[in-house]
């Protein structure tokens, strides 16, 4: 397995939040924006559940999270409330469309 890192600029290393999967940062970014919608949702859910919230934005936009949240909600566990709160607040403030 590749070494894990918190340095998200190391595209060849495995990000700290993929502790159970040997994907590099570059491979994760490719799959998050690839043609397989099920793989995208699986990895997005893992990202939202396991990564620090500030690190999520290295991979996806707030709009992408807002659009996918209903589809991945059941996979987020205790992090669901946080993401719903954040996205709802940004929508109420006019930073994201409702």
PDB file of N, CA and C in Angstrom:
ATOM      1  N   UNK A   1       0.845  -1.189   0.000  1.00  0.00           N
ATOM      2  CA  UNK A   1       0.000   0.000   0.000  1.00  0.00           C
ATOM      3  C   UNK A   1       0.885   1.246   0.000  1.00  0.00           C
ATOM      4  N   UNK A   2       0.352   2.297  -0.593  1.00  0.00           N
ATOM      5  CA  UNK A   2       1.071   3.563  -0.649  1.00  0.00           C
ATOM      6  C   UNK A   2       1.127   4.203   0.741  1.00  0.00           C
ATOM      7  N   UNK A   3       2.116   5.033   0.953  1.00  0.00           N
ATOM      8  CA  UNK A   3       2.147   5.757   2.231  1.00  0.00           C
ATOM      9  C   UNK A   3       0.987   6.741   2.306  1.00  0.00           C
ATOM     10  N   UNK A   4       0.479   6.942   3.517  1.00  0.00           N
ATOM     11  CA  UNK A   4      -0.605   7.902   3.730  1.00  0.00           C
ATOM     12  C   UNK A   4      -0.007   9.266   4.041  1.00  0.00           C
ATOM     13  N   UNK A   5      -0.762  10.313   3.705  1.00  0.00           N
ATOM     14  CA  UNK A   5      -0.272  11.664   3.934  1.00  0.00           C
ATOM     15  C   UNK A   5      -1.414  12.613   4.259  1.00  0.00           C
ATOM     16  N   UNK A   6      -1.075  13.679   4.953  1.00  0.00           N
ATOM     17  CA  UNK A   6      -2.007  14.787   5.150  1.00  0.00           C
ATOM     18  C   UNK A   6      -1.702  15.911   4.164  1.00  0.00           C
ATOM     19  N   UNK A   7      -0.615  15.779   3.412  1.00  0.00           N
ATOM     20  CA  UNK A   7      -0.223  16.763   2.399  1.00  0.00           C
ATOM     21  C   UNK A   7      -0.959  16.444   1.108  1.00  0.00           C
ATOM     22  N   UNK A   8      -2.037  17.138   0.859  1.00  0.00           N
ATOM     23  CA  UNK A   8      -2.888  16.837  -0.288  1.00  0.00           C
ATOM     24  C   UNK A   8      -2.295  17.298  -1.609  1.00  0.00           C
ATOM     25  N   UNK A   9      -1.117  17.901  -1.582  1.00  0.00           N
ATOM     26  CA  UNK A   9      -0.398  18.245  -2.805  1.00  0.00           C
ATOM     27  C   UNK A   9       0.443  17.080  -3.307  1.00  0.00           C
ATOM     28  N   UNK A  10       0.603  16.047  -2.495  1.00  0.00           N
ATOM     29  CA  UNK A  10       1.367  14.862  -2.900  1.00  0.00           C
ATOM     30  C   UNK A  10       0.443  13.919  -3.657  1.00  0.00           C
ATOM     31  N   UNK A  11       0.291  14.165  -4.924  1.00  0.00           N
ATOM     32  CA  UNK A  11      -0.694  13.461  -5.746  1.00  0.00           C
ATOM     33  C   UNK A  11      -0.438  11.967  -5.866  1.00  0.00           C
ATOM     34  N   UNK A  12       0.785  11.520  -5.584  1.00  0.00           N
ATOM     35  CA  UNK A  12       1.111  10.097  -5.695  1.00  0.00           C
ATOM     36  C   UNK A  12       0.851   9.332  -4.404  1.00  0.00           C
ATOM     37  N   UNK A  13       0.589  10.037  -3.309  1.00  0.00           N
ATOM     38  CA  UNK A  13       0.380   9.397  -2.006  1.00  0.00           C
ATOM     39  C   UNK A  13      -1.106   9.172  -1.757  1.00  0.00           C
ATOM     40  N   UNK A  14      -1.383   8.361  -0.762  1.00  0.00           N
ATOM     41  CA  UNK A  14      -2.765   8.050  -0.363  1.00  0.00           C
ATOM     42  C   UNK A  14      -3.195   9.068   0.689  1.00  0.00           C
ATOM     43  N   UNK A  15      -4.352   9.726   0.515  1.00  0.00           N
ATOM     44  CA  UNK A  15      -4.794  10.692   1.514  1.00  0.00           C
ATOM     45  C   UNK A  15      -5.153   9.999   2.830  1.00  0.00           C
ATOM     46  N   UNK A  16      -4.904  10.685   3.918  1.00  0.00           N
ATOM     47  CA  UNK A  16      -5.100  10.136   5.262  1.00  0.00           C
ATOM     48  C   UNK A  16      -6.495   9.562   5.488  1.00  0.00           C
ATOM     49  N   UNK A  17      -7.502  10.082   4.799  1.00  0.00           N
ATOM     50  CA  UNK A  17      -8.874   9.636   5.049  1.00  0.00           C
ATOM     51  C   UNK A  17      -9.247   8.378   4.276  1.00  0.00           C
ATOM     52  N   UNK A  18      -8.383   7.918   3.391  1.00  0.00           N
ATOM     53  CA  UNK A  18      -8.617   6.641   2.701  1.00  0.00           C
ATOM     54  C   UNK A  18      -7.789   5.558   3.374  1.00  0.00           C
ATOM     55  N   UNK A  19      -7.984   5.412   4.663  1.00  0.00           N
ATOM     56  CA  UNK A  19      -7.211   4.461   5.456  1.00  0.00           C
ATOM     57  C   UNK A  19      -7.469   3.025   5.043  1.00  0.00           C
ATOM     58  N   UNK A  20      -8.587   2.755   4.389  1.00  0.00           N
ATOM     59  CA  UNK A  20      -8.969   1.384   4.031  1.00  0.00           C
ATOM     60  C   UNK A  20      -8.913   1.107   2.535  1.00  0.00           C
ATOM     61  N   UNK A  21      -8.360   2.045   1.760  1.00  0.00           N
ATOM     62  CA  UNK A  21      -8.369   1.898   0.308  1.00  0.00           C
ATOM     63  C   UNK A  21      -7.091   2.500  -0.265  1.00  0.00           C
ATOM     64  N   UNK A  22      -6.417   1.759  -1.122  1.00  0.00           N
ATOM     65  CA  UNK A  22      -5.136   2.201  -1.676  1.00  0.00           C
ATOM     66  C   UNK A  22      -5.342   2.966  -2.980  1.00  0.00           C
ATOM     67  N   UNK A  23      -5.791   4.201  -2.871  1.00  0.00           N
ATOM     68  CA  UNK A  23      -5.943   5.110  -4.007  1.00  0.00           C
ATOM     69  C   UNK A  23      -5.062   6.322  -3.759  1.00  0.00           C
ATOM     70  N   UNK A  24      -4.392   6.788  -4.783  1.00  0.00           N
ATOM     71  CA  UNK A  24      -3.619   8.017  -4.644  1.00  0.00           C
ATOM     72  C   UNK A  24      -4.560   9.219  -4.708  1.00  0.00           C
ATOM     73  N   UNK A  25      -4.048  10.348  -4.335  1.00  0.00           N
ATOM     74  CA  UNK A  25      -4.823  11.588  -4.417  1.00  0.00           C
ATOM     75  C   UNK A  25      -5.221  11.851  -5.866  1.00  0.00           C
ATOM     76  N   UNK A  26      -4.306  11.627  -6.787  1.00  0.00           N
ATOM     77  CA  UNK A  26      -4.607  11.820  -8.211  1.00  0.00           C
ATOM     78  C   UNK A  26      -5.711  10.872  -8.672  1.00  0.00           C
ATOM     79  N   UNK A  27      -5.637   9.615  -8.277  1.00  0.00           N
ATOM     80  CA  UNK A  27      -6.670   8.648  -8.664  1.00  0.00           C
ATOM     81  C   UNK A  27      -8.021   9.008  -8.056  1.00  0.00           C
ATOM     82  N   UNK A  28      -8.016   9.466  -6.823  1.00  0.00           N
ATOM     83  CA  UNK A  28      -9.265   9.881  -6.178  1.00  0.00           C
ATOM     84  C   UNK A  28      -9.896  11.033  -6.945  1.00  0.00           C
ATOM     85  N   UNK A  29      -9.099  12.033  -7.299  1.00  0.00           N
ATOM     86  CA  UNK A  29      -9.637  13.170  -8.045  1.00  0.00           C
ATOM     87  C   UNK A  29     -10.208  12.728  -9.389  1.00  0.00           C
ATOM     88  N   UNK A  30      -9.526  11.820 -10.057  1.00  0.00           N
ATOM     89  CA  UNK A  30     -10.023  11.320 -11.347  1.00  0.00           C
ATOM     90  C   UNK A  30     -11.362  10.608 -11.178  1.00  0.00           C
ATOM     91  N   UNK A  31     -11.472   9.774 -10.171  1.00  0.00           N
ATOM     92  CA  UNK A  31     -12.716   9.012  -9.961  1.00  0.00           C
ATOM     93  C   UNK A  31     -13.864   9.902  -9.498  1.00  0.00           C
ATOM     94  N   UNK A  32     -13.544  10.935  -8.715  1.00  0.00           N
ATOM     95  CA  UNK A  32     -14.587  11.855  -8.265  1.00  0.00           C
ATOM     96  C   UNK A  32     -15.163  12.662  -9.425  1.00  0.00           C
ATOM     97  N   UNK A  33     -14.428  12.766 -10.509  1.00  0.00           N
ATOM     98  CA  UNK A  33     -14.898  13.528 -11.667  1.00  0.00           C
ATOM     99  C   UNK A  33     -14.971  12.648 -12.913  1.00  0.00           C
ATOM    100  N   UNK A  34     -15.053  11.349 -12.706  1.00  0.00           N
ATOM    101  CA  UNK A  34     -15.093  10.404 -13.808  1.00  0.00           C
ATOM    102  C   UNK A  34     -16.497  10.114 -14.298  1.00  0.00           C
ATOM    103  N   UNK A  35     -16.584   9.073 -15.121  1.00  0.00           N
ATOM    104  CA  UNK A  35     -17.845   8.735 -15.794  1.00  0.00           C
ATOM    105  C   UNK A  35     -18.726   7.765 -15.025  1.00  0.00           C
ATOM    106  N   UNK A  36     -18.251   7.216 -13.921  1.00  0.00           N
ATOM    107  CA  UNK A  36     -19.022   6.216 -13.171  1.00  0.00           C
ATOM    108  C   UNK A  36     -19.736   6.890 -12.003  1.00  0.00           C
ATOM    109  N   UNK A  37     -21.040   7.163 -12.136  1.00  0.00           N
ATOM    110  CA  UNK A  37     -21.742   7.901 -11.076  1.00  0.00           C
ATOM    111  C   UNK A  37     -21.790   7.158  -9.746  1.00  0.00           C
ATOM    112  N   UNK A  38     -21.858   5.837  -9.761  1.00  0.00           N
ATOM    113  CA  UNK A  38     -21.898   5.084  -8.502  1.00  0.00           C
ATOM    114  C   UNK A  38     -20.564   5.167  -7.771  1.00  0.00           C
ATOM    115  N   UNK A  39     -19.479   5.083  -8.513  1.00  0.00           N
ATOM    116  CA  UNK A  39     -18.145   5.204  -7.905  1.00  0.00           C
ATOM    117  C   UNK A  39     -17.949   6.613  -7.362  1.00  0.00           C
ATOM    118  N   UNK A  40     -18.414   7.595  -8.097  1.00  0.00           N
ATOM    119  CA  UNK A  40     -18.309   8.980  -7.639  1.00  0.00           C
ATOM    120  C   UNK A  40     -19.042   9.165  -6.311  1.00  0.00           C
ATOM    121  N   UNK A  41     -20.271   8.661  -6.222  1.00  0.00           N
ATOM    122  CA  UNK A  41     -21.038   8.811  -4.984  1.00  0.00           C
ATOM    123  C   UNK A  41     -20.406   8.031  -3.832  1.00  0.00           C
ATOM    124  N   UNK A  42     -19.886   6.853  -4.116  1.00  0.00           N
ATOM    125  CA  UNK A  42     -19.231   6.054  -3.072  1.00  0.00           C
ATOM    126  C   UNK A  42     -18.029   6.802  -2.498  1.00  0.00           C
ATOM    127  N   UNK A  43     -17.207   7.343  -3.373  1.00  0.00           N
ATOM    128  CA  UNK A  43     -16.017   8.051  -2.910  1.00  0.00           C
ATOM    129  C   UNK A  43     -16.356   9.400  -2.291  1.00  0.00           C
ATOM    130  N   UNK A  44     -17.363  10.071  -2.814  1.00  0.00           N
ATOM    131  CA  UNK A  44     -17.785  11.338  -2.218  1.00  0.00           C
ATOM    132  C   UNK A  44     -18.294  11.114  -0.804  1.00  0.00           C
ATOM    133  N   UNK A  45     -19.072  10.062  -0.597  1.00  0.00           N
ATOM    134  CA  UNK A  45     -19.561   9.756   0.749  1.00  0.00           C
ATOM    135  C   UNK A  45     -18.393   9.484   1.693  1.00  0.00           C
ATOM    136  N   UNK A  46     -17.426   8.742   1.229  1.00  0.00           N
ATOM    137  CA  UNK A  46     -16.256   8.457   2.061  1.00  0.00           C
ATOM    138  C   UNK A  46     -15.491   9.740   2.378  1.00  0.00           C
ATOM    139  N   UNK A  47     -15.338  10.602   1.392  1.00  0.00           N
ATOM    140  CA  UNK A  47     -14.673  11.887   1.585  1.00  0.00           C
ATOM    141  C   UNK A  47     -15.402  12.725   2.626  1.00  0.00           C
ATOM    142  N   UNK A  48     -16.720  12.845   2.495  1.00  0.00           N
ATOM    143  CA  UNK A  48     -17.500  13.659   3.435  1.00  0.00           C
ATOM    144  C   UNK A  48     -17.525  13.057   4.832  1.00  0.00           C
ATOM    145  N   UNK A  49     -17.457  11.755   4.923  1.00  0.00           N
ATOM    146  CA  UNK A  49     -17.516  11.076   6.214  1.00  0.00           C
ATOM    147  C   UNK A  49     -16.162  11.069   6.931  1.00  0.00           C
ATOM    148  N   UNK A  50     -15.073  10.911   6.188  1.00  0.00           N
ATOM    149  CA  UNK A  50     -13.773  10.646   6.809  1.00  0.00           C
ATOM    150  C   UNK A  50     -12.805  11.831   6.809  1.00  0.00           C
ATOM    151  N   UNK A  51     -12.902  12.715   5.829  1.00  0.00           N
ATOM    152  CA  UNK A  51     -11.935  13.809   5.707  1.00  0.00           C
ATOM    153  C   UNK A  51     -12.321  14.991   6.591  1.00  0.00           C
ATOM    154  N   UNK A  52     -11.323  15.789   6.943  1.00  0.00           N
ATOM    155  CA  UNK A  52     -11.605  17.060   7.617  1.00  0.00           C
ATOM    156  C   UNK A  52     -12.356  17.939   6.628  1.00  0.00           C
ATOM    157  N   UNK A  53     -13.323  18.676   7.129  1.00  0.00           N
ATOM    158  CA  UNK A  53     -14.171  19.462   6.232  1.00  0.00           C
ATOM    159  C   UNK A  53     -13.360  20.412   5.365  1.00  0.00           C
ATOM    160  N   UNK A  54     -12.328  21.015   5.877  1.00  0.00           N
ATOM    161  CA  UNK A  54     -11.525  21.957   5.090  1.00  0.00           C
ATOM    162  C   UNK A  54     -10.816  21.246   3.937  1.00  0.00           C
ATOM    163  N   UNK A  55     -10.518  19.962   4.093  1.00  0.00           N
ATOM    164  CA  UNK A  55      -9.830  19.209   3.035  1.00  0.00           C
ATOM    165  C   UNK A  55     -10.773  18.751   1.927  1.00  0.00           C
ATOM    166  N   UNK A  56     -12.054  18.698   2.208  1.00  0.00           N
ATOM    167  CA  UNK A  56     -13.039  18.291   1.201  1.00  0.00           C
ATOM    168  C   UNK A  56     -12.957  19.194  -0.022  1.00  0.00           C
ATOM    169  N   UNK A  57     -12.712  20.484   0.202  1.00  0.00           N
ATOM    170  CA  UNK A  57     -12.738  21.461  -0.888  1.00  0.00           C
ATOM    171  C   UNK A  57     -11.541  21.325  -1.826  1.00  0.00           C
ATOM    172  N   UNK A  58     -10.590  20.495  -1.484  1.00  0.00           N
ATOM    173  CA  UNK A  58      -9.494  20.190  -2.410  1.00  0.00           C
ATOM    174  C   UNK A  58      -9.950  19.239  -3.511  1.00  0.00           C
ATOM    175  N   UNK A  59     -11.115  18.624  -3.327  1.00  0.00           N
ATOM    176  CA  UNK A  59     -11.582  17.598  -4.254  1.00  0.00           C
ATOM    177  C   UNK A  59     -12.904  17.935  -4.940  1.00  0.00           C
ATOM    178  N   UNK A  60     -13.798  18.623  -4.238  1.00  0.00           N
ATOM    179  CA  UNK A  60     -15.114  18.944  -4.782  1.00  0.00           C
ATOM    180  C   UNK A  60     -15.507  20.359  -4.381  1.00  0.00           C
ATOM    181  N   UNK A  61     -16.520  20.882  -5.049  1.00  0.00           N
ATOM    182  CA  UNK A  61     -17.011  22.223  -4.743  1.00  0.00           C
ATOM    183  C   UNK A  61     -18.209  22.141  -3.788  1.00  0.00           C
ATOM    184  N   UNK A  62     -18.526  23.241  -3.127  1.00  0.00           N
ATOM    185  CA  UNK A  62     -19.735  23.247  -2.296  1.00  0.00           C
ATOM    186  C   UNK A  62     -20.996  22.910  -3.089  1.00  0.00           C
ATOM    187  N   UNK A  63     -21.081  23.369  -4.321  1.00  0.00           N
ATOM    188  CA  UNK A  63     -22.248  23.060  -5.150  1.00  0.00           C
ATOM    189  C   UNK A  63     -22.332  21.560  -5.417  1.00  0.00           C
ATOM    190  N   UNK A  64     -21.211  20.909  -5.677  1.00  0.00           N
ATOM    191  CA  UNK A  64     -21.221  19.464  -5.895  1.00  0.00           C
ATOM    192  C   UNK A  64     -21.696  18.727  -4.645  1.00  0.00           C
ATOM    193  N   UNK A  65     -21.273  19.192  -3.491  1.00  0.00           N
ATOM    194  CA  UNK A  65     -21.706  18.574  -2.234  1.00  0.00           C
ATOM    195  C   UNK A  65     -23.204  18.779  -2.049  1.00  0.00           C
ATOM    196  N   UNK A  66     -23.679  20.002  -2.282  1.00  0.00           N
ATOM    197  CA  UNK A  66     -25.111  20.295  -2.111  1.00  0.00           C
ATOM    198  C   UNK A  66     -25.962  19.412  -3.013  1.00  0.00           C
ATOM    199  N   UNK A  67     -25.541  19.221  -4.255  1.00  0.00           N
ATOM    200  CA  UNK A  67     -26.313  18.419  -5.203  1.00  0.00           C
ATOM    201  C   UNK A  67     -26.308  16.931  -4.840  1.00  0.00           C
ATOM    202  N   UNK A  68     -25.202  16.449  -4.322  1.00  0.00           N
ATOM    203  CA  UNK A  68     -25.077  15.016  -4.028  1.00  0.00           C
ATOM    204  C   UNK A  68     -25.547  14.645  -2.628  1.00  0.00           C
ATOM    205  N   UNK A  69     -25.685  15.608  -1.747  1.00  0.00           N
ATOM    206  CA  UNK A  69     -26.007  15.302  -0.354  1.00  0.00           C
ATOM    207  C   UNK A  69     -27.230  14.402  -0.182  1.00  0.00           C
ATOM    208  N   UNK A  70     -28.329  14.642  -0.873  1.00  0.00           N
ATOM    209  CA  UNK A  70     -29.472  13.726  -0.708  1.00  0.00           C
ATOM    210  C   UNK A  70     -29.158  12.295  -1.147  1.00  0.00           C
ATOM    211  N   UNK A  71     -28.246  12.145  -2.086  1.00  0.00           N
ATOM    212  CA  UNK A  71     -27.906  10.820  -2.608  1.00  0.00           C
ATOM    213  C   UNK A  71     -26.943  10.043  -1.712  1.00  0.00           C
ATOM    214  N   UNK A  72     -26.156  10.762  -0.906  1.00  0.00           N
ATOM    215  CA  UNK A  72     -25.163  10.100  -0.059  1.00  0.00           C
ATOM    216  C   UNK A  72     -25.503  10.184   1.422  1.00  0.00           C
ATOM    217  N   UNK A  73     -26.609  10.824   1.759  1.00  0.00           N
ATOM    218  CA  UNK A  73     -26.966  11.061   3.161  1.00  0.00           C
ATOM    219  C   UNK A  73     -26.928   9.794   4.009  1.00  0.00           C
ATOM    220  N   UNK A  74     -27.415   8.700   3.483  1.00  0.00           N
ATOM    221  CA  UNK A  74     -27.463   7.453   4.235  1.00  0.00           C
ATOM    222  C   UNK A  74     -26.108   6.830   4.491  1.00  0.00           C
ATOM    223  N   UNK A  75     -25.076   7.356   3.871  1.00  0.00           N
ATOM    224  CA  UNK A  75     -23.716   6.817   4.035  1.00  0.00           C
ATOM    225  C   UNK A  75     -22.826   7.688   4.915  1.00  0.00           C
ATOM    226  N   UNK A  76     -23.376   8.776   5.454  1.00  0.00           N
ATOM    227  CA  UNK A  76     -22.532   9.735   6.160  1.00  0.00           C
ATOM    228  C   UNK A  76     -22.493   9.566   7.670  1.00  0.00           C
ATOM    229  N   UNK A  77     -23.352   8.750   8.214  1.00  0.00           N
ATOM    230  CA  UNK A  77     -23.322   8.520   9.654  1.00  0.00           C
ATOM    231  C   UNK A  77     -23.477   9.812  10.432  1.00  0.00           C
ATOM    232  N   UNK A  78     -22.679   9.956  11.473  1.00  0.00           N
ATOM    233  CA  UNK A  78     -22.790  11.124  12.351  1.00  0.00           C
ATOM    234  C   UNK A  78     -22.377  12.429  11.687  1.00  0.00           C
ATOM    235  N   UNK A  79     -21.732  12.372  10.530  1.00  0.00           N
ATOM    236  CA  UNK A  79     -21.323  13.580   9.811  1.00  0.00           C
ATOM    237  C   UNK A  79     -22.469  14.215   9.002  1.00  0.00           C
ATOM    238  N   UNK A  80     -23.567  13.493   8.836  1.00  0.00           N
ATOM    239  CA  UNK A  80     -24.680  14.012   8.051  1.00  0.00           C
ATOM    240  C   UNK A  80     -25.183  15.337   8.604  1.00  0.00           C
ATOM    241  N   UNK A  81     -25.397  15.418   9.894  1.00  0.00           N
ATOM    242  CA  UNK A  81     -25.923  16.654  10.485  1.00  0.00           C
ATOM    243  C   UNK A  81     -25.010  17.844  10.192  1.00  0.00           C
ATOM    244  N   UNK A  82     -23.710  17.635  10.273  1.00  0.00           N
ATOM    245  CA  UNK A  82     -22.763  18.718   9.984  1.00  0.00           C
ATOM    246  C   UNK A  82     -22.930  19.212   8.553  1.00  0.00           C
ATOM    247  N   UNK A  83     -22.925  18.283   7.588  1.00  0.00           N
ATOM    248  CA  UNK A  83     -23.000  18.684   6.179  1.00  0.00           C
ATOM    249  C   UNK A  83     -24.346  19.327   5.858  1.00  0.00           C
ATOM    250  N   UNK A  84     -25.427  18.828   6.420  1.00  0.00           N
ATOM    251  CA  UNK A  84     -26.730  19.446   6.200  1.00  0.00           C
ATOM    252  C   UNK A  84     -26.754  20.867   6.767  1.00  0.00           C
ATOM    253  N   UNK A  85     -26.217  21.054   7.961  1.00  0.00           N
ATOM    254  CA  UNK A  85     -26.140  22.365   8.592  1.00  0.00           C
ATOM    255  C   UNK A  85     -25.334  23.334   7.727  1.00  0.00           C
ATOM    256  N   UNK A  86     -24.180  22.896   7.267  1.00  0.00           N
ATOM    257  CA  UNK A  86     -23.299  23.754   6.483  1.00  0.00           C
ATOM    258  C   UNK A  86     -23.943  24.163   5.163  1.00  0.00           C
ATOM    259  N   UNK A  87     -24.442  23.193   4.429  1.00  0.00           N
ATOM    260  CA  UNK A  87     -25.038  23.479   3.130  1.00  0.00           C
ATOM    261  C   UNK A  87     -26.295  24.330   3.286  1.00  0.00           C
ATOM    262  N   UNK A  88     -27.143  23.989   4.250  1.00  0.00           N
ATOM    263  CA  UNK A  88     -28.363  24.776   4.483  1.00  0.00           C
ATOM    264  C   UNK A  88     -28.008  26.226   4.833  1.00  0.00           C
ATOM    265  N   UNK A  89     -27.005  26.418   5.676  1.00  0.00           N
ATOM    266  CA  UNK A  89     -26.588  27.771   6.040  1.00  0.00           C
ATOM    267  C   UNK A  89     -26.104  28.565   4.844  1.00  0.00           C
ATOM    268  N   UNK A  90     -25.318  27.928   3.986  1.00  0.00           N
ATOM    269  CA  UNK A  90     -24.838  28.616   2.788  1.00  0.00           C
ATOM    270  C   UNK A  90     -25.985  28.934   1.834  1.00  0.00           C
ATOM    271  N   UNK A  91     -26.979  28.056   1.780  1.00  0.00           N
ATOM    272  CA  UNK A  91     -28.150  28.329   0.939  1.00  0.00           C
ATOM    273  C   UNK A  91     -28.952  29.494   1.516  1.00  0.00           C
ATOM    274  N   UNK A  92     -29.147  29.514   2.818  1.00  0.00           N
ATOM    275  CA  UNK A  92     -29.904  30.594   3.468  1.00  0.00           C
ATOM    276  C   UNK A  92     -29.187  31.932   3.318  1.00  0.00           C
ATOM    277  N   UNK A  93     -27.863  31.901   3.282  1.00  0.00           N
ATOM    278  CA  UNK A  93     -27.072  33.126   3.124  1.00  0.00           C
ATOM    279  C   UNK A  93     -26.926  33.553   1.671  1.00  0.00           C
ATOM    280  N   UNK A  94     -27.476  32.745   0.761  1.00  0.00           N
ATOM    281  CA  UNK A  94     -27.408  33.076  -0.653  1.00  0.00           C
ATOM    282  C   UNK A  94     -26.101  32.714  -1.329  1.00  0.00           C
ATOM    283  N   UNK A  95     -25.262  31.940  -0.645  1.00  0.00           N
ATOM    284  CA  UNK A  95     -23.982  31.540  -1.223  1.00  0.00           C
ATOM    285  C   UNK A  95     -24.107  30.340  -2.154  1.00  0.00           C
ATOM    286  N   UNK A  96     -25.169  29.584  -1.973  1.00  0.00           N
ATOM    287  CA  UNK A  96     -25.477  28.436  -2.830  1.00  0.00           C
ATOM    288  C   UNK A  96     -26.957  28.521  -3.202  1.00  0.00           C
ATOM    289  N   UNK A  97     -27.318  28.078  -4.393  1.00  0.00           N
ATOM    290  CA  UNK A  97     -28.753  28.046  -4.741  1.00  0.00           C
ATOM    291  C   UNK A  97     -29.481  26.996  -3.897  1.00  0.00           C
ATOM    292  N   UNK A  98     -30.730  27.261  -3.607  1.00  0.00           N
ATOM    293  CA  UNK A  98     -31.545  26.325  -2.803  1.00  0.00           C
ATOM    294  C   UNK A  98     -32.038  25.180  -3.633  1.00  0.00           C
TER     295      UNK A  98
END
